[in-house]
Protein backbone atom coordinates (compact mmCIF):
# COMPACT_ATOMS: atom_id res chain seq x y z
CA MET A 1 -2.96 -11.46 15.75
CA SER A 2 -6.37 -10.38 16.95
CA ALA A 3 -8.42 -7.89 14.85
CA THR A 4 -8.72 -5.82 18.03
CA THR A 5 -6.39 -2.84 18.15
CA THR A 6 -3.82 -3.09 20.88
CA PRO A 7 -2.93 0.33 22.32
CA ALA A 8 0.67 1.19 21.55
CA VAL A 9 3.14 4.11 20.95
CA LEU A 10 5.63 3.81 18.04
CA THR A 11 8.43 6.23 17.56
CA ALA A 12 9.78 6.83 13.98
CA ARG A 13 11.72 9.39 11.97
CA ALA A 14 9.69 8.73 8.89
CA LEU A 15 6.49 6.94 7.63
CA LEU A 16 6.08 5.04 4.55
CA LEU A 17 2.50 4.56 3.39
CA ASP A 18 0.95 2.14 1.02
CA MET A 19 -1.96 3.51 -0.92
CA ASP A 20 -4.64 0.89 -1.94
CA GLY A 21 -6.29 -0.59 1.29
CA THR A 22 -4.29 1.68 3.41
CA LEU A 23 -5.09 5.21 2.36
CA VAL A 24 -7.69 4.49 -0.40
CA ASP A 25 -10.53 1.96 -0.32
CA SER A 26 -10.29 0.73 -4.08
CA ASP A 27 -11.48 -2.73 -3.35
CA ALA A 28 -14.62 -2.24 -5.70
CA VAL A 29 -12.59 -1.53 -8.67
CA VAL A 30 -9.89 -4.03 -7.87
CA GLU A 31 -12.66 -6.73 -7.63
CA ARG A 32 -14.26 -5.59 -11.05
CA ILE A 33 -11.11 -5.45 -13.03
CA TRP A 34 -9.46 -8.71 -11.71
CA ARG A 35 -12.52 -10.73 -11.76
CA ARG A 36 -13.13 -9.84 -15.35
CA TRP A 37 -9.33 -10.83 -15.94
CA ALA A 38 -9.74 -14.05 -14.03
CA GLU A 39 -12.69 -14.97 -16.31
CA ARG A 40 -10.81 -14.45 -19.45
CA GLN A 41 -7.93 -16.55 -18.19
CA GLY A 42 -10.26 -19.37 -17.00
CA LEU A 43 -9.02 -18.92 -13.48
CA ASP A 44 -11.13 -18.96 -10.24
CA GLY A 45 -11.96 -15.39 -9.16
CA ASP A 46 -11.57 -16.07 -5.57
CA ASP A 47 -8.09 -17.56 -6.07
CA VAL A 48 -7.07 -14.49 -7.97
CA MET A 49 -8.19 -12.01 -5.39
CA ARG A 50 -6.16 -13.76 -2.73
CA VAL A 51 -2.98 -12.97 -4.75
CA VAL A 52 -3.44 -9.60 -6.42
CA HIS A 53 -3.53 -7.12 -3.37
CA GLY A 54 -0.37 -5.24 -2.82
CA ARG A 55 1.51 -6.52 -5.83
CA GLN A 56 2.09 -4.86 -9.26
CA GLY A 57 -0.29 -6.44 -11.84
CA HIS A 58 2.49 -8.23 -13.76
CA ALA A 59 3.80 -9.70 -10.59
CA SER A 60 0.50 -11.07 -9.74
CA MET A 61 0.16 -12.55 -13.21
CA ALA A 62 3.41 -14.26 -12.80
CA VAL A 63 2.25 -16.02 -9.72
CA LEU A 64 -1.18 -17.00 -11.33
CA LEU A 65 0.26 -17.92 -14.72
CA PRO A 66 3.77 -18.97 -14.10
CA GLY A 67 4.21 -20.50 -17.61
CA ARG A 68 3.26 -17.24 -19.36
CA PRO A 69 5.95 -15.12 -20.87
CA ARG A 70 6.85 -11.95 -18.96
CA GLU A 71 6.47 -9.70 -22.07
CA GLU A 72 2.76 -10.96 -22.35
CA ASN A 73 2.26 -10.18 -18.62
CA LEU A 74 3.74 -6.73 -19.05
CA ALA A 75 1.48 -6.07 -22.07
CA ASP A 76 -1.46 -7.30 -20.18
CA ASN A 77 -0.62 -5.25 -17.12
CA ALA A 78 -0.44 -2.09 -19.30
CA ARG A 79 -4.18 -2.81 -20.38
CA MET A 80 -5.14 -3.47 -16.83
CA LEU A 81 -3.56 -0.23 -15.53
CA ALA A 82 -5.40 1.89 -18.17
CA GLU A 83 -8.76 0.10 -17.13
CA GLU A 84 -8.02 0.62 -13.48
CA THR A 85 -7.01 4.31 -14.07
CA ALA A 86 -10.25 4.99 -15.91
CA ASP A 87 -12.54 3.41 -13.38
CA THR A 88 -12.66 5.28 -10.01
CA GLU A 89 -16.38 4.32 -9.28
CA GLY A 90 -16.41 3.53 -5.56
CA VAL A 91 -13.07 4.66 -4.80
CA ILE A 92 -13.09 6.43 -1.35
CA GLU A 93 -10.62 7.37 1.45
CA ILE A 94 -9.98 4.72 4.23
CA PRO A 95 -11.74 6.28 7.27
CA GLY A 96 -9.23 8.64 8.85
CA ALA A 97 -6.94 8.98 5.92
CA GLY A 98 -7.44 12.81 5.20
CA ALA A 99 -6.86 13.83 8.78
CA PHE A 100 -3.94 11.46 9.00
CA LEU A 101 -2.28 12.87 5.99
CA ALA A 102 -2.98 16.43 7.25
CA ALA A 103 -1.24 15.60 10.48
CA LEU A 104 1.82 14.58 8.62
CA ALA A 105 2.20 18.04 6.83
CA GLY A 106 5.94 18.89 7.24
CA LEU A 107 6.98 15.56 8.70
CA PRO A 108 9.09 13.05 6.67
CA HIS A 109 6.68 10.67 4.86
CA ALA A 110 6.39 9.10 1.36
CA LEU A 111 3.80 7.13 -0.58
CA VAL A 112 5.18 3.75 -1.59
CA THR A 113 2.65 2.02 -3.91
CA SER A 114 2.59 -0.73 -6.33
CA ALA A 115 0.31 1.59 -8.55
CA ASP A 116 1.99 3.71 -11.39
CA THR A 117 1.99 7.45 -11.29
CA GLY A 118 -1.30 7.70 -13.30
CA LEU A 119 -3.24 5.28 -11.26
CA ALA A 120 -2.00 6.65 -7.89
CA THR A 121 -2.90 10.17 -9.06
CA ALA A 122 -6.47 9.05 -10.13
CA ARG A 123 -7.13 7.06 -7.10
CA MET A 124 -5.86 9.59 -4.48
CA HIS A 125 -7.83 12.43 -6.45
CA ALA A 126 -11.04 10.22 -6.48
CA ALA A 127 -10.67 9.78 -2.73
CA GLY A 128 -10.19 13.58 -2.14
CA LEU A 129 -6.74 12.96 -0.71
CA ALA A 130 -3.48 15.01 -1.45
CA LEU A 131 -0.57 13.22 -2.80
CA PRO A 132 2.54 13.20 -0.65
CA ALA A 133 5.39 15.01 -2.08
CA VAL A 134 7.66 12.07 -2.01
CA ARG A 135 6.32 9.20 -3.97
CA VAL A 136 7.75 5.77 -4.97
CA THR A 137 5.37 4.30 -7.64
CA ALA A 138 5.71 1.26 -9.94
CA GLU A 139 7.87 3.22 -12.31
CA SER A 140 10.37 3.84 -9.57
CA VAL A 141 11.33 0.17 -8.79
CA GLY A 142 12.64 -2.91 -10.67
CA ALA A 143 10.90 -5.34 -8.39
CA SER A 144 7.32 -5.57 -6.87
CA LYS A 145 6.27 -6.03 -3.28
CA PRO A 146 6.88 -8.33 -1.48
CA ASP A 147 10.46 -7.25 -2.49
CA PRO A 148 11.53 -4.41 -0.12
CA GLU A 149 12.91 -2.35 -2.82
CA GLY A 150 10.16 0.31 -2.77
CA PHE A 151 10.35 0.82 0.95
CA LEU A 152 14.15 1.02 0.99
CA LYS A 153 13.98 3.51 -1.81
CA GLY A 154 11.51 5.64 0.00
CA ALA A 155 13.61 5.58 3.14
CA ALA A 156 16.64 6.57 1.07
CA GLU A 157 14.78 9.43 -0.57
CA LEU A 158 13.76 10.77 2.91
CA GLY A 159 17.37 10.39 4.14
CA VAL A 160 16.19 8.13 7.07
CA ALA A 161 17.63 4.63 8.18
CA PRO A 162 15.30 1.79 7.48
CA ALA A 163 15.05 0.89 11.15
CA ASP A 164 13.90 4.37 11.91
CA CYS A 165 10.96 4.05 9.61
CA VAL A 166 7.43 2.63 10.11
CA VAL A 167 5.43 1.26 7.34
CA PHE A 168 1.48 1.45 6.92
CA GLU A 169 0.28 -1.48 4.93
CA ASP A 170 -2.88 -3.57 4.36
CA SER A 171 -1.72 -6.66 2.36
CA GLY A 172 0.37 -9.68 2.93
CA ALA A 173 2.81 -8.73 0.07
CA GLY A 174 3.18 -5.24 1.52
CA ILE A 175 3.78 -6.34 5.09
CA ALA A 176 6.19 -8.85 3.94
CA ALA A 177 8.08 -6.12 2.04
CA GLY A 178 8.12 -3.84 5.02
CA ARG A 179 9.47 -6.56 7.31
CA ALA A 180 12.11 -7.51 4.72
CA ALA A 181 13.18 -3.98 4.54
CA GLY A 182 13.85 -4.11 8.43
CA MET A 183 10.96 -1.71 9.18
CA ARG A 184 8.14 -1.89 11.81
CA VAL A 185 4.70 -2.26 10.21
CA VAL A 186 1.24 -1.00 11.12
CA GLY A 187 -1.34 -3.07 9.49
CA VAL A 188 -4.43 -1.33 8.35
CA GLY A 189 -7.78 -3.10 7.87
CA PRO A 190 -9.13 -6.62 7.96
CA ARG A 191 -6.52 -8.08 5.44
CA ALA A 192 -3.64 -6.95 7.55
CA VAL A 193 -4.31 -8.87 10.70
CA ARG A 194 -3.70 -12.27 8.87
CA HIS A 195 -0.22 -11.44 8.19
CA GLU A 196 1.04 -10.45 11.69
CA PRO A 197 2.11 -6.77 11.49
CA ASP A 198 3.66 -5.23 14.66
CA VAL A 199 0.33 -3.67 15.42
CA ALA A 200 -3.04 -3.61 13.59
CA VAL A 201 -5.71 -0.99 13.32
CA PRO A 202 -9.11 -1.37 11.60
CA ASP A 203 -8.65 2.07 9.98
CA LEU A 204 -6.69 5.34 10.38
CA THR A 205 -9.10 6.99 12.92
CA ARG A 206 -7.26 4.82 15.29
CA VAL A 207 -3.95 6.60 14.84
CA ARG A 208 -2.99 9.93 16.18
CA VAL A 209 0.38 11.63 15.09
CA GLU A 210 2.47 13.69 17.40
CA ALA A 211 5.37 15.66 16.26
CA ALA A 212 8.02 15.40 19.23
CA ALA A 213 10.50 17.99 20.16
CA ASP A 214 13.44 16.02 19.09
CA GLY A 215 12.09 15.78 15.47
CA THR A 216 10.63 12.28 15.73
CA ILE A 217 7.15 11.24 15.04
CA ARG A 218 5.13 9.64 17.86
CA LEU A 219 2.27 7.41 16.67
CA HIS A 220 -0.44 6.81 19.33
CA ILE A 221 -2.21 3.58 18.29
CA GLY A 222 -5.53 2.65 19.67
């Protein structure tokens, strides 16, 4: 798919929103934390960065260190989450995110993130964004993206069929999860276009939200 936005109109009954890379630009922190971890493990930092976006930390570790016990990954992940939660330097909103969330006030939407509650709260606050009332975080699911569990749970909590949901995602793991959930996917940012979402935008300034008279949400892309 081209990096150029193709004008489109999508209709949905609910929106499911990833956080990192979609609403919040946290790449500076993710790079700092994960490249330090890669060095400690003797792994190539670039190889690590190709894996970690979109997944829970322990799931990334399982991919990168397949022979390591799960308990060790979980313990390491807890330490990493504490580091990431404390480090918000350089965390900013994705262009258009604040206005996009404001336009969704009163409309069915949920945050579906691989971050835990503490990290999600810290990053959204650092970016100056309000947390959606409905949130599916790492504590809410048994499986990380690219498993569709988080998106399916978000749809269920909103009382909307998966086919009537549109996902906003930036990562390969997240786009795969949305697709596996039977949902349409809007890819946000440069990472997304490599993974063939239904439509791609460079940022959220290219999305306009319209509340239709029949209760549906019309998304004007482009």
